[in-house]
């Protein structure tokens, strides 16, 4: 007989922070991956937040509580992911413009 799987429950603060990160321009997939939550849950939270206040976790004994330290770690991970993406874009742009500059010089063949 299979054991009943408990669904993770998140605090209101956790949900609000996740929705805030998406609202700040982060992709839902990136935020969900960094925070370790399903993309569908994050999308649902965003739709619910647009309609009104989000509710927090249910029963305290079932809830997967998230401490303030864990919330800060999740926020920092999301910021690191965003900064890495920006860095990678900047690297690609620099390489593109460097090639363009080289093409303009005499003696460069490709």
Protein backbone atom coordinates (compact mmCIF):
# COMPACT_ATOMS: atom_id res chain seq x y z
CA UNK A 1 0.00 0.00 0.00
CA UNK A 2 1.45 3.37 -1.02
CA UNK A 3 1.97 6.03 1.61
CA UNK A 4 0.06 9.25 1.16
CA UNK A 5 2.35 11.94 -0.25
CA UNK A 6 2.29 15.22 1.65
CA UNK A 7 2.06 18.35 -0.45
CA UNK A 8 4.50 21.07 0.45
CA UNK A 9 2.89 24.13 1.98
CA UNK A 10 4.57 27.49 1.91
CA UNK A 11 4.25 30.53 4.10
CA UNK A 12 2.63 33.68 2.81
CA UNK A 13 5.98 35.48 2.95
CA UNK A 14 7.59 32.82 0.76
CA UNK A 15 4.79 33.06 -1.81
CA UNK A 16 4.90 36.85 -1.84
CA UNK A 17 8.67 36.88 -2.34
CA UNK A 18 8.43 34.38 -5.19
CA UNK A 19 5.68 36.44 -6.87
CA UNK A 20 7.70 39.63 -6.30
CA UNK A 21 10.72 38.13 -8.07
CA UNK A 22 8.57 37.25 -11.08
CA UNK A 23 7.05 40.73 -11.02
CA UNK A 24 10.57 42.21 -11.01
CA UNK A 25 11.24 40.62 -14.39
CA UNK A 26 12.55 37.16 -13.55
CA UNK A 27 11.21 34.30 -15.66
CA UNK A 28 8.78 32.00 -13.85
CA UNK A 29 10.87 28.97 -14.82
CA UNK A 30 14.06 30.51 -13.37
CA UNK A 31 12.44 31.59 -10.10
CA UNK A 32 10.72 28.21 -9.69
CA UNK A 33 13.95 26.32 -10.29
CA UNK A 34 15.97 28.49 -7.90
CA UNK A 35 13.34 28.27 -5.15
CA UNK A 36 12.69 24.56 -5.75
CA UNK A 37 8.97 24.88 -6.39
CA UNK A 38 6.79 23.75 -9.31
CA UNK A 39 6.31 26.31 -12.10
CA UNK A 40 2.56 25.74 -12.00
CA UNK A 41 2.40 26.66 -8.32
CA UNK A 42 4.28 29.89 -8.95
CA UNK A 43 2.02 30.73 -11.87
CA UNK A 44 -1.04 30.07 -9.73
CA UNK A 45 0.32 32.28 -6.94
CA UNK A 46 0.88 35.08 -9.43
CA UNK A 47 -2.70 34.87 -10.70
CA UNK A 48 -4.07 34.74 -7.16
CA UNK A 49 -1.92 37.69 -6.07
CA UNK A 50 -3.32 39.75 -8.95
CA UNK A 51 -6.85 39.09 -7.64
CA UNK A 52 -6.13 39.71 -3.97
CA UNK A 53 -3.98 38.68 -1.01
CA UNK A 54 -2.35 35.26 -1.03
CA UNK A 55 -3.04 32.86 1.80
CA UNK A 56 -0.24 31.24 3.78
CA UNK A 57 0.32 27.64 4.77
CA UNK A 58 -2.42 25.52 6.28
CA UNK A 59 -1.83 23.30 9.31
CA UNK A 60 1.40 24.10 11.09
CA UNK A 61 2.29 20.42 11.60
CA UNK A 62 2.00 19.62 7.86
CA UNK A 63 3.60 22.77 6.54
CA UNK A 64 7.09 22.84 5.12
CA UNK A 65 8.06 25.97 7.01
CA UNK A 66 10.54 28.32 5.43
CA UNK A 67 12.76 30.26 7.82
CA UNK A 68 13.85 33.85 7.12
CA UNK A 69 17.35 32.53 6.45
CA UNK A 70 16.03 30.08 3.83
CA UNK A 71 14.04 32.91 2.26
CA UNK A 72 17.17 35.07 2.05
CA UNK A 73 19.12 32.18 0.52
CA UNK A 74 16.38 31.71 -2.08
CA UNK A 75 16.38 35.43 -2.87
CA UNK A 76 20.16 35.48 -3.24
CA UNK A 77 20.11 32.39 -5.47
CA UNK A 78 17.60 34.10 -7.74
CA UNK A 79 19.78 37.20 -7.86
CA UNK A 80 22.87 35.12 -8.68
CA UNK A 81 20.97 33.39 -11.50
CA UNK A 82 19.89 36.77 -12.90
CA UNK A 83 23.40 38.21 -12.67
CA UNK A 84 24.91 35.14 -14.37
CA UNK A 85 22.42 35.49 -17.20
CA UNK A 86 23.28 39.19 -17.59
CA UNK A 87 27.01 38.38 -17.53
CA UNK A 88 26.60 35.72 -20.21
CA UNK A 89 24.69 38.15 -22.43
CA UNK A 90 27.40 40.77 -21.96
CA UNK A 91 30.12 38.23 -22.84
CA UNK A 92 28.32 37.24 -26.04
CA UNK A 93 27.80 40.88 -27.01
CA UNK A 94 31.47 41.68 -26.38
CA UNK A 95 32.57 38.71 -28.51
CA UNK A 96 30.19 39.74 -31.30
CA UNK A 97 31.44 43.32 -31.37
CA UNK A 98 35.07 42.17 -31.16
CA UNK A 99 34.54 40.04 -34.29
CA UNK A 100 32.84 42.95 -36.00
CA UNK A 101 35.83 45.18 -35.18
CA UNK A 102 38.27 42.58 -36.48
CA UNK A 103 36.36 42.26 -39.74
CA UNK A 104 36.85 45.98 -40.30
CA UNK A 105 40.65 45.74 -40.07
CA UNK A 106 42.85 44.91 -43.05
CA UNK A 107 44.37 41.46 -43.22
CA UNK A 108 41.54 39.71 -41.36
CA UNK A 109 40.09 36.78 -43.30
CA UNK A 110 37.44 34.37 -42.18
